[in-house]
Amino acid sequence: MIDLWNTEVSAGDVVYHLGDFSFFKKYEDVAGVACQLKGNKIFIKGNHDRREHLDQLVKDDLIVAWYDYKEIKLGDTSVVLFHFPISYRDWETDRKSVV
């Protein structure tokens, strides 16, 4: 999988990974994979990702950043990057109803 990733991704590319990067329990194993992947990696936390691992990946410069979710624009289109599927319309409705 690492070879396939690196075939498609160049060093300067921005890559958003939408969660569950690995199921490894030890940080060294997670870092061992992340360090081999090209690109500027931004992670969206999945339910199997550990916050302490994600924080350490940032500190070790193996990923650019991580978020629980991230709102971005692709041209004129608003997109919510989230580990679980959700439509933007649902996101806007749910977000406005939260106090």
PDB file of N, CA and C in Angstrom:
ATOM      1  N   MET A   1       0.801  -1.179   0.000  1.00  0.00           N
ATOM      2  CA  MET A   1       0.000   0.000   0.000  1.00  0.00           C
ATOM      3  C   MET A   1       0.860   1.266   0.000  1.00  0.00           C
ATOM      4  N   ILE A   2       1.983   1.186   0.690  1.00  0.00           N
ATOM      5  CA  ILE A   2       2.897   2.330   0.715  1.00  0.00           C
ATOM      6  C   ILE A   2       3.391   2.639  -0.692  1.00  0.00           C
ATOM      7  N   ASP A   3       3.747   1.608  -1.444  1.00  0.00           N
ATOM      8  CA  ASP A   3       4.211   1.806  -2.822  1.00  0.00           C
ATOM      9  C   ASP A   3       3.121   2.431  -3.688  1.00  0.00           C
ATOM     10  N   LEU A   4       1.873   1.967  -3.530  1.00  0.00           N
ATOM     11  CA  LEU A   4       0.764   2.541  -4.300  1.00  0.00           C
ATOM     12  C   LEU A   4       0.549   4.007  -3.945  1.00  0.00           C
ATOM     13  N   TRP A   5       0.582   4.332  -2.654  1.00  0.00           N
ATOM     14  CA  TRP A   5       0.443   5.715  -2.205  1.00  0.00           C
ATOM     15  C   TRP A   5       1.518   6.576  -2.872  1.00  0.00           C
ATOM     16  N   ASN A   6       2.768   6.132  -2.764  1.00  0.00           N
ATOM     17  CA  ASN A   6       3.884   6.932  -3.262  1.00  0.00           C
ATOM     18  C   ASN A   6       3.940   7.006  -4.776  1.00  0.00           C
ATOM     19  N   THR A   7       3.286   6.091  -5.473  1.00  0.00           N
ATOM     20  CA  THR A   7       3.177   6.165  -6.924  1.00  0.00           C
ATOM     21  C   THR A   7       2.252   7.303  -7.334  1.00  0.00           C
ATOM     22  N   GLU A   8       1.215   7.542  -6.537  1.00  0.00           N
ATOM     23  CA  GLU A   8       0.202   8.553  -6.857  1.00  0.00           C
ATOM     24  C   GLU A   8       0.473   9.914  -6.235  1.00  0.00           C
ATOM     25  N   VAL A   9       1.185   9.956  -5.137  1.00  0.00           N
ATOM     26  CA  VAL A   9       1.373  11.193  -4.367  1.00  0.00           C
ATOM     27  C   VAL A   9       2.807  11.685  -4.531  1.00  0.00           C
ATOM     28  N   SER A  10       2.944  12.984  -4.809  1.00  0.00           N
ATOM     29  CA  SER A  10       4.265  13.612  -4.900  1.00  0.00           C
ATOM     30  C   SER A  10       4.584  14.321  -3.589  1.00  0.00           C
ATOM     31  N   ALA A  11       5.829  14.657  -3.399  1.00  0.00           N
ATOM     32  CA  ALA A  11       6.284  15.261  -2.144  1.00  0.00           C
ATOM     33  C   ALA A  11       5.500  16.528  -1.786  1.00  0.00           C
ATOM     34  N   GLY A  12       5.119  17.352  -2.756  1.00  0.00           N
ATOM     35  CA  GLY A  12       4.439  18.610  -2.486  1.00  0.00           C
ATOM     36  C   GLY A  12       2.921  18.524  -2.422  1.00  0.00           C
ATOM     37  N   ASP A  13       2.363  17.364  -2.689  1.00  0.00           N
ATOM     38  CA  ASP A  13       0.898  17.213  -2.672  1.00  0.00           C
ATOM     39  C   ASP A  13       0.346  17.318  -1.255  1.00  0.00           C
ATOM     40  N   VAL A  14      -0.868  17.865  -1.145  1.00  0.00           N
ATOM     41  CA  VAL A  14      -1.595  17.867   0.124  1.00  0.00           C
ATOM     42  C   VAL A  14      -2.558  16.693   0.089  1.00  0.00           C
ATOM     43  N   VAL A  15      -2.485  15.840   1.111  1.00  0.00           N
ATOM     44  CA  VAL A  15      -3.327  14.644   1.184  1.00  0.00           C
ATOM     45  C   VAL A  15      -4.119  14.684   2.486  1.00  0.00           C
ATOM     46  N   TYR A  16      -5.432  14.573   2.371  1.00  0.00           N
ATOM     47  CA  TYR A  16      -6.290  14.455   3.543  1.00  0.00           C
ATOM     48  C   TYR A  16      -6.616  12.983   3.739  1.00  0.00           C
ATOM     49  N   HIS A  17      -6.289  12.448   4.897  1.00  0.00           N
ATOM     50  CA  HIS A  17      -6.631  11.059   5.220  1.00  0.00           C
ATOM     51  C   HIS A  17      -7.805  11.103   6.187  1.00  0.00           C
ATOM     52  N   LEU A  18      -8.905  10.444   5.825  1.00  0.00           N
ATOM     53  CA  LEU A  18     -10.157  10.597   6.572  1.00  0.00           C
ATOM     54  C   LEU A  18     -10.360   9.549   7.656  1.00  0.00           C
ATOM     55  N   GLY A  19      -9.328   9.284   8.398  1.00  0.00           N
ATOM     56  CA  GLY A  19      -9.476   8.504   9.621  1.00  0.00           C
ATOM     57  C   GLY A  19      -9.095   7.051   9.527  1.00  0.00           C
ATOM     58  N   ASP A  20      -8.825   6.497  10.709  1.00  0.00           N
ATOM     59  CA  ASP A  20      -8.377   5.114  10.866  1.00  0.00           C
ATOM     60  C   ASP A  20      -7.125   4.852  10.040  1.00  0.00           C
ATOM     61  N   PHE A  21      -6.126   5.694  10.263  1.00  0.00           N
ATOM     62  CA  PHE A  21      -4.857   5.544   9.558  1.00  0.00           C
ATOM     63  C   PHE A  21      -4.226   4.193   9.837  1.00  0.00           C
ATOM     64  N   SER A  22      -4.289   3.773  11.094  1.00  0.00           N
ATOM     65  CA  SER A  22      -3.744   2.449  11.423  1.00  0.00           C
ATOM     66  C   SER A  22      -4.440   1.905  12.663  1.00  0.00           C
ATOM     67  N   PHE A  23      -4.277   0.631  12.863  1.00  0.00           N
ATOM     68  CA  PHE A  23      -4.793  -0.025  14.063  1.00  0.00           C
ATOM     69  C   PHE A  23      -3.657  -0.393  15.021  1.00  0.00           C
ATOM     70  N   PHE A  24      -2.458   0.128  14.741  1.00  0.00           N
ATOM     71  CA  PHE A  24      -1.310  -0.147  15.610  1.00  0.00           C
ATOM     72  C   PHE A  24      -1.537   0.441  16.996  1.00  0.00           C
ATOM     73  N   LYS A  25      -1.078  -0.262  17.999  1.00  0.00           N
ATOM     74  CA  LYS A  25      -1.189   0.230  19.374  1.00  0.00           C
ATOM     75  C   LYS A  25       0.036   1.036  19.784  1.00  0.00           C
ATOM     76  N   LYS A  26       1.198   0.734  19.158  1.00  0.00           N
ATOM     77  CA  LYS A  26       2.436   1.424  19.515  1.00  0.00           C
ATOM     78  C   LYS A  26       2.709   2.565  18.529  1.00  0.00           C
ATOM     79  N   TYR A  27       3.085   3.713  19.092  1.00  0.00           N
ATOM     80  CA  TYR A  27       3.376   4.884  18.255  1.00  0.00           C
ATOM     81  C   TYR A  27       4.475   4.585  17.238  1.00  0.00           C
ATOM     82  N   GLU A  28       5.482   3.851  17.633  1.00  0.00           N
ATOM     83  CA  GLU A  28       6.602   3.574  16.735  1.00  0.00           C
ATOM     84  C   GLU A  28       6.126   2.894  15.450  1.00  0.00           C
ATOM     85  N   ASP A  29       5.124   2.033  15.568  1.00  0.00           N
ATOM     86  CA  ASP A  29       4.593   1.345  14.385  1.00  0.00           C
ATOM     87  C   ASP A  29       3.835   2.320  13.476  1.00  0.00           C
ATOM     88  N   VAL A  30       3.055   3.208  14.087  1.00  0.00           N
ATOM     89  CA  VAL A  30       2.313   4.219  13.316  1.00  0.00           C
ATOM     90  C   VAL A  30       3.297   5.134  12.595  1.00  0.00           C
ATOM     91  N   ALA A  31       4.287   5.618  13.328  1.00  0.00           N
ATOM     92  CA  ALA A  31       5.291   6.518  12.755  1.00  0.00           C
ATOM     93  C   ALA A  31       6.095   5.828  11.657  1.00  0.00           C
ATOM     94  N   GLY A  32       6.332   4.533  11.828  1.00  0.00           N
ATOM     95  CA  GLY A  32       7.086   3.779  10.834  1.00  0.00           C
ATOM     96  C   GLY A  32       6.417   3.740   9.480  1.00  0.00           C
ATOM     97  N   VAL A  33       5.100   3.782   9.466  1.00  0.00           N
ATOM     98  CA  VAL A  33       4.359   3.835   8.198  1.00  0.00           C
ATOM     99  C   VAL A  33       4.291   5.280   7.703  1.00  0.00           C
ATOM    100  N   ALA A  34       3.910   6.205   8.588  1.00  0.00           N
ATOM    101  CA  ALA A  34       3.726   7.607   8.190  1.00  0.00           C
ATOM    102  C   ALA A  34       4.993   8.204   7.580  1.00  0.00           C
ATOM    103  N   CYS A  35       6.139   7.840   8.101  1.00  0.00           N
ATOM    104  CA  CYS A  35       7.391   8.423   7.606  1.00  0.00           C
ATOM    105  C   CYS A  35       7.739   7.970   6.191  1.00  0.00           C
ATOM    106  N   GLN A  36       7.127   6.900   5.733  1.00  0.00           N
ATOM    107  CA  GLN A  36       7.406   6.389   4.389  1.00  0.00           C
ATOM    108  C   GLN A  36       6.508   6.993   3.309  1.00  0.00           C
ATOM    109  N   LEU A  37       5.466   7.717   3.724  1.00  0.00           N
ATOM    110  CA  LEU A  37       4.470   8.226   2.783  1.00  0.00           C
ATOM    111  C   LEU A  37       4.800   9.633   2.315  1.00  0.00           C
ATOM    112  N   LYS A  38       4.772   9.844   1.004  1.00  0.00           N
ATOM    113  CA  LYS A  38       5.013  11.152   0.427  1.00  0.00           C
ATOM    114  C   LYS A  38       3.830  12.077   0.698  1.00  0.00           C
ATOM    115  N   GLY A  39       4.090  13.363   0.540  1.00  0.00           N
ATOM    116  CA  GLY A  39       3.026  14.355   0.604  1.00  0.00           C
ATOM    117  C   GLY A  39       2.920  15.046   1.948  1.00  0.00           C
ATOM    118  N   ASN A  40       2.178  16.136   1.936  1.00  0.00           N
ATOM    119  CA  ASN A  40       1.862  16.894   3.140  1.00  0.00           C
ATOM    120  C   ASN A  40       0.557  16.327   3.677  1.00  0.00           C
ATOM    121  N   LYS A  41       0.672  15.495   4.678  1.00  0.00           N
ATOM    122  CA  LYS A  41      -0.468  14.715   5.165  1.00  0.00           C
ATOM    123  C   LYS A  41      -1.233  15.462   6.257  1.00  0.00           C
ATOM    124  N   ILE A  42      -2.548  15.552   6.072  1.00  0.00           N
ATOM    125  CA  ILE A  42      -3.449  16.129   7.070  1.00  0.00           C
ATOM    126  C   ILE A  42      -4.443  15.034   7.419  1.00  0.00           C
ATOM    127  N   PHE A  43      -4.518  14.715   8.697  1.00  0.00           N
ATOM    128  CA  PHE A  43      -5.370  13.611   9.137  1.00  0.00           C
ATOM    129  C   PHE A  43      -6.656  14.124   9.763  1.00  0.00           C
ATOM    130  N   ILE A  44      -7.740  13.473   9.420  1.00  0.00           N
ATOM    131  CA  ILE A  44      -9.009  13.635  10.112  1.00  0.00           C
ATOM    132  C   ILE A  44      -9.111  12.430  11.035  1.00  0.00           C
ATOM    133  N   LYS A  45      -9.351  12.689  12.319  1.00  0.00           N
ATOM    134  CA  LYS A  45      -9.333  11.611  13.310  1.00  0.00           C
ATOM    135  C   LYS A  45     -10.461  10.620  13.072  1.00  0.00           C
ATOM    136  N   GLY A  46     -10.108   9.350  13.016  1.00  0.00           N
ATOM    137  CA  GLY A  46     -11.091   8.268  12.960  1.00  0.00           C
ATOM    138  C   GLY A  46     -11.309   7.696  14.347  1.00  0.00           C
ATOM    139  N   ASN A  47     -12.291   6.862  14.469  1.00  0.00           N
ATOM    140  CA  ASN A  47     -12.607   6.303  15.782  1.00  0.00           C
ATOM    141  C   ASN A  47     -11.535   5.342  16.300  1.00  0.00           C
ATOM    142  N   HIS A  48     -10.619   4.897  15.442  1.00  0.00           N
ATOM    143  CA  HIS A  48      -9.539   4.018  15.885  1.00  0.00           C
ATOM    144  C   HIS A  48      -8.202   4.738  16.016  1.00  0.00           C
ATOM    145  N   ASP A  49      -8.163   6.017  15.670  1.00  0.00           N
ATOM    146  CA  ASP A  49      -6.935   6.791  15.810  1.00  0.00           C
ATOM    147  C   ASP A  49      -6.804   7.302  17.242  1.00  0.00           C
ATOM    148  N   ARG A  50      -5.590   7.311  17.740  1.00  0.00           N
ATOM    149  CA  ARG A  50      -5.338   7.775  19.107  1.00  0.00           C
ATOM    150  C   ARG A  50      -4.826   9.213  19.058  1.00  0.00           C
ATOM    151  N   ARG A  51      -5.466  10.065  19.849  1.00  0.00           N
ATOM    152  CA  ARG A  51      -5.081  11.483  19.875  1.00  0.00           C
ATOM    153  C   ARG A  51      -3.603  11.662  20.197  1.00  0.00           C
ATOM    154  N   GLU A  52      -3.104  10.888  21.143  1.00  0.00           N
ATOM    155  CA  GLU A  52      -1.697  11.038  21.520  1.00  0.00           C
ATOM    156  C   GLU A  52      -0.771  10.654  20.369  1.00  0.00           C
ATOM    157  N   HIS A  53      -1.163   9.688  19.552  1.00  0.00           N
ATOM    158  CA  HIS A  53      -0.362   9.342  18.380  1.00  0.00           C
ATOM    159  C   HIS A  53      -0.400  10.480  17.359  1.00  0.00           C
ATOM    160  N   LEU A  54      -1.586  11.021  17.127  1.00  0.00           N
ATOM    161  CA  LEU A  54      -1.721  12.109  16.155  1.00  0.00           C
ATOM    162  C   LEU A  54      -0.917  13.332  16.602  1.00  0.00           C
ATOM    163  N   ASP A  55      -0.999  13.665  17.883  1.00  0.00           N
ATOM    164  CA  ASP A  55      -0.207  14.789  18.405  1.00  0.00           C
ATOM    165  C   ASP A  55       1.286  14.556  18.186  1.00  0.00           C
ATOM    166  N   GLN A  56       1.748  13.347  18.438  1.00  0.00           N
ATOM    167  CA  GLN A  56       3.171  13.045  18.286  1.00  0.00           C
ATOM    168  C   GLN A  56       3.587  13.056  16.816  1.00  0.00           C
ATOM    169  N   LEU A  57       2.712  12.608  15.917  1.00  0.00           N
ATOM    170  CA  LEU A  57       3.022  12.671  14.485  1.00  0.00           C
ATOM    171  C   LEU A  57       3.254  14.109  14.045  1.00  0.00           C
ATOM    172  N   VAL A  58       2.459  15.043  14.570  1.00  0.00           N
ATOM    173  CA  VAL A  58       2.655  16.461  14.260  1.00  0.00           C
ATOM    174  C   VAL A  58       3.987  16.935  14.831  1.00  0.00           C
ATOM    175  N   LYS A  59       4.252  16.622  16.091  1.00  0.00           N
ATOM    176  CA  LYS A  59       5.509  17.049  16.738  1.00  0.00           C
ATOM    177  C   LYS A  59       6.726  16.515  16.002  1.00  0.00           C
ATOM    178  N   ASP A  60       6.604  15.297  15.467  1.00  0.00           N
ATOM    179  CA  ASP A  60       7.718  14.678  14.744  1.00  0.00           C
ATOM    180  C   ASP A  60       7.749  15.073  13.260  1.00  0.00           C
ATOM    181  N   ASP A  61       6.882  16.003  12.865  1.00  0.00           N
ATOM    182  CA  ASP A  61       6.793  16.479  11.468  1.00  0.00           C
ATOM    183  C   ASP A  61       6.490  15.364  10.474  1.00  0.00           C
ATOM    184  N   LEU A  62       5.746  14.358  10.908  1.00  0.00           N
ATOM    185  CA  LEU A  62       5.351  13.282  10.000  1.00  0.00           C
ATOM    186  C   LEU A  62       3.992  13.565   9.356  1.00  0.00           C
ATOM    187  N   ILE A  63       3.204  14.433   9.973  1.00  0.00           N
ATOM    188  CA  ILE A  63       1.978  14.950   9.366  1.00  0.00           C
ATOM    189  C   ILE A  63       1.941  16.452   9.625  1.00  0.00           C
ATOM    190  N   VAL A  64       1.197  17.173   8.792  1.00  0.00           N
ATOM    191  CA  VAL A  64       1.099  18.628   8.923  1.00  0.00           C
ATOM    192  C   VAL A  64       0.204  19.001  10.099  1.00  0.00           C
ATOM    193  N   ALA A  65      -0.942  18.321  10.199  1.00  0.00           N
ATOM    194  CA  ALA A  65      -1.928  18.638  11.236  1.00  0.00           C
ATOM    195  C   ALA A  65      -2.935  17.508  11.308  1.00  0.00           C
ATOM    196  N   TRP A  66      -3.776  17.558  12.349  1.00  0.00           N
ATOM    197  CA  TRP A  66      -4.907  16.641  12.426  1.00  0.00           C
ATOM    198  C   TRP A  66      -6.093  17.390  13.021  1.00  0.00           C
ATOM    199  N   TYR A  67      -7.298  16.930  12.638  1.00  0.00           N
ATOM    200  CA  TYR A  67      -8.535  17.575  13.064  1.00  0.00           C
ATOM    201  C   TYR A  67      -9.584  16.510  13.348  1.00  0.00           C
ATOM    202  N   ASP A  68     -10.551  16.864  14.170  1.00  0.00           N
ATOM    203  CA  ASP A  68     -11.729  16.005  14.318  1.00  0.00           C
ATOM    204  C   ASP A  68     -12.571  16.073  13.050  1.00  0.00           C
ATOM    205  N   TYR A  69     -12.620  17.251  12.447  1.00  0.00           N
ATOM    206  CA  TYR A  69     -13.240  17.470  11.144  1.00  0.00           C
ATOM    207  C   TYR A  69     -12.607  18.715  10.551  1.00  0.00           C
ATOM    208  N   LYS A  70     -12.799  18.937   9.270  1.00  0.00           N
ATOM    209  CA  LYS A  70     -12.216  20.110   8.619  1.00  0.00           C
ATOM    210  C   LYS A  70     -13.161  20.561   7.518  1.00  0.00           C
ATOM    211  N   GLU A  71     -13.454  21.848   7.493  1.00  0.00           N
ATOM    212  CA  GLU A  71     -14.244  22.438   6.416  1.00  0.00           C
ATOM    213  C   GLU A  71     -13.288  23.082   5.425  1.00  0.00           C
ATOM    214  N   ILE A  72     -13.443  22.719   4.147  1.00  0.00           N
ATOM    215  CA  ILE A  72     -12.593  23.286   3.101  1.00  0.00           C
ATOM    216  C   ILE A  72     -13.474  23.711   1.934  1.00  0.00           C
ATOM    217  N   LYS A  73     -12.886  24.457   1.014  1.00  0.00           N
ATOM    218  CA  LYS A  73     -13.544  24.853  -0.230  1.00  0.00           C
ATOM    219  C   LYS A  73     -12.789  24.220  -1.385  1.00  0.00           C
ATOM    220  N   LEU A  74     -13.526  23.617  -2.295  1.00  0.00           N
ATOM    221  CA  LEU A  74     -12.967  23.132  -3.557  1.00  0.00           C
ATOM    222  C   LEU A  74     -13.635  23.964  -4.644  1.00  0.00           C
ATOM    223  N   GLY A  75     -12.937  24.994  -5.080  1.00  0.00           N
ATOM    224  CA  GLY A  75     -13.567  25.953  -5.981  1.00  0.00           C
ATOM    225  C   GLY A  75     -14.678  26.670  -5.224  1.00  0.00           C
ATOM    226  N   ASP A  76     -15.897  26.603  -5.751  1.00  0.00           N
ATOM    227  CA  ASP A  76     -17.054  27.225  -5.102  1.00  0.00           C
ATOM    228  C   ASP A  76     -17.814  26.256  -4.212  1.00  0.00           C
ATOM    229  N   THR A  77     -17.327  25.040  -4.078  1.00  0.00           N
ATOM    230  CA  THR A  77     -18.049  24.013  -3.337  1.00  0.00           C
ATOM    231  C   THR A  77     -17.481  23.870  -1.924  1.00  0.00           C
ATOM    232  N   SER A  78     -18.369  23.969  -0.925  1.00  0.00           N
ATOM    233  CA  SER A  78     -17.974  23.734   0.457  1.00  0.00           C
ATOM    234  C   SER A  78     -17.993  22.239   0.737  1.00  0.00           C
ATOM    235  N   VAL A  79     -16.951  21.767   1.414  1.00  0.00           N
ATOM    236  CA  VAL A  79     -16.824  20.345   1.706  1.00  0.00           C
ATOM    237  C   VAL A  79     -16.465  20.190   3.181  1.00  0.00           C
ATOM    238  N   VAL A  80     -17.115  19.229   3.832  1.00  0.00           N
ATOM    239  CA  VAL A  80     -16.767  18.892   5.206  1.00  0.00           C
ATOM    240  C   VAL A  80     -16.050  17.550   5.174  1.00  0.00           C
ATOM    241  N   LEU A  81     -14.826  17.536   5.665  1.00  0.00           N
ATOM    242  CA  LEU A  81     -14.052  16.303   5.750  1.00  0.00           C
ATOM    243  C   LEU A  81     -14.272  15.730   7.148  1.00  0.00           C
ATOM    244  N   PHE A  82     -14.804  14.532   7.173  1.00  0.00           N
ATOM    245  CA  PHE A  82     -15.205  13.917   8.425  1.00  0.00           C
ATOM    246  C   PHE A  82     -15.007  12.420   8.274  1.00  0.00           C
ATOM    247  N   HIS A  83     -14.719  11.736   9.340  1.00  0.00           N
ATOM    248  CA  HIS A  83     -14.486  10.296   9.264  1.00  0.00           C
ATOM    249  C   HIS A  83     -15.742   9.526   8.861  1.00  0.00           C
ATOM    250  N   PHE A  84     -16.876   9.964   9.369  1.00  0.00           N
ATOM    251  CA  PHE A  84     -18.145   9.293   9.066  1.00  0.00           C
ATOM    252  C   PHE A  84     -18.861  10.052   7.962  1.00  0.00           C
ATOM    253  N   PRO A  85     -19.577   9.366   7.077  1.00  0.00           N
ATOM    254  CA  PRO A  85     -20.252  10.049   5.968  1.00  0.00           C
ATOM    255  C   PRO A  85     -21.337  11.008   6.468  1.00  0.00           C
ATOM    256  N   ILE A  86     -21.362  12.192   5.872  1.00  0.00           N
ATOM    257  CA  ILE A  86     -22.387  13.175   6.188  1.00  0.00           C
ATOM    258  C   ILE A  86     -22.491  14.121   4.991  1.00  0.00           C
ATOM    259  N   SER A  87     -23.709  14.493   4.624  1.00  0.00           N
ATOM    260  CA  SER A  87     -23.868  15.436   3.520  1.00  0.00           C
ATOM    261  C   SER A  87     -23.660  16.851   4.042  1.00  0.00           C
ATOM    262  N   TYR A  88     -23.239  17.753   3.173  1.00  0.00           N
ATOM    263  CA  TYR A  88     -23.022  19.138   3.602  1.00  0.00           C
ATOM    264  C   TYR A  88     -24.330  19.757   4.084  1.00  0.00           C
ATOM    265  N   ARG A  89     -25.430  19.438   3.425  1.00  0.00           N
ATOM    266  CA  ARG A  89     -26.733  19.961   3.839  1.00  0.00           C
ATOM    267  C   ARG A  89     -27.060  19.521   5.268  1.00  0.00           C
ATOM    268  N   ASP A  90     -26.836  18.240   5.573  1.00  0.00           N
ATOM    269  CA  ASP A  90     -27.052  17.742   6.936  1.00  0.00           C
ATOM    270  C   ASP A  90     -26.111  18.447   7.911  1.00  0.00           C
ATOM    271  N   TRP A  91     -24.865  18.657   7.495  1.00  0.00           N
ATOM    272  CA  TRP A  91     -23.880  19.306   8.344  1.00  0.00           C
ATOM    273  C   TRP A  91     -24.330  20.722   8.695  1.00  0.00           C
ATOM    274  N   GLU A  92     -24.753  21.486   7.692  1.00  0.00           N
ATOM    275  CA  GLU A  92     -25.191  22.853   7.936  1.00  0.00           C
ATOM    276  C   GLU A  92     -26.411  22.887   8.852  1.00  0.00           C
ATOM    277  N   THR A  93     -27.361  21.991   8.639  1.00  0.00           N
ATOM    278  CA  THR A  93     -28.565  21.936   9.481  1.00  0.00           C
ATOM    279  C   THR A  93     -28.208  21.543  10.907  1.00  0.00           C
ATOM    280  N   ASP A  94     -27.434  20.488  11.069  1.00  0.00           N
ATOM    281  CA  ASP A  94     -27.057  20.019  12.413  1.00  0.00           C
ATOM    282  C   ASP A  94     -26.226  21.045  13.152  1.00  0.00           C
ATOM    283  N   ARG A  95     -25.301  21.683  12.455  1.00  0.00           N
ATOM    284  CA  ARG A  95     -24.406  22.642  13.096  1.00  0.00           C
ATOM    285  C   ARG A  95     -25.174  23.868  13.597  1.00  0.00           C
ATOM    286  N   LYS A  96     -26.180  24.307  12.848  1.00  0.00           N
ATOM    287  CA  LYS A  96     -26.963  25.475  13.246  1.00  0.00           C
ATOM    288  C   LYS A  96     -27.887  25.166  14.421  1.00  0.00           C
ATOM    289  N   SER A  97     -28.226  23.885  14.606  1.00  0.00           N
ATOM    290  CA  SER A  97     -29.151  23.537  15.681  1.00  0.00           C
ATOM    291  C   SER A  97     -28.440  23.241  17.007  1.00  0.00           C
ATOM    292  N   VAL A  98     -27.105  23.234  17.004  1.00  0.00           N
ATOM    293  CA  VAL A  98     -26.351  22.946  18.229  1.00  0.00           C
ATOM    294  C   VAL A  98     -26.211  24.227  19.046  1.00  0.00           C
ATOM    295  N   VAL A  99     -26.473  24.117  20.332  1.00  0.00           N
ATOM    296  CA  VAL A  99     -26.336  25.287  21.219  1.00  0.00           C
ATOM    297  C   VAL A  99     -25.015  25.240  21.933  1.00  0.00           C
TER     298      VAL A  99
END
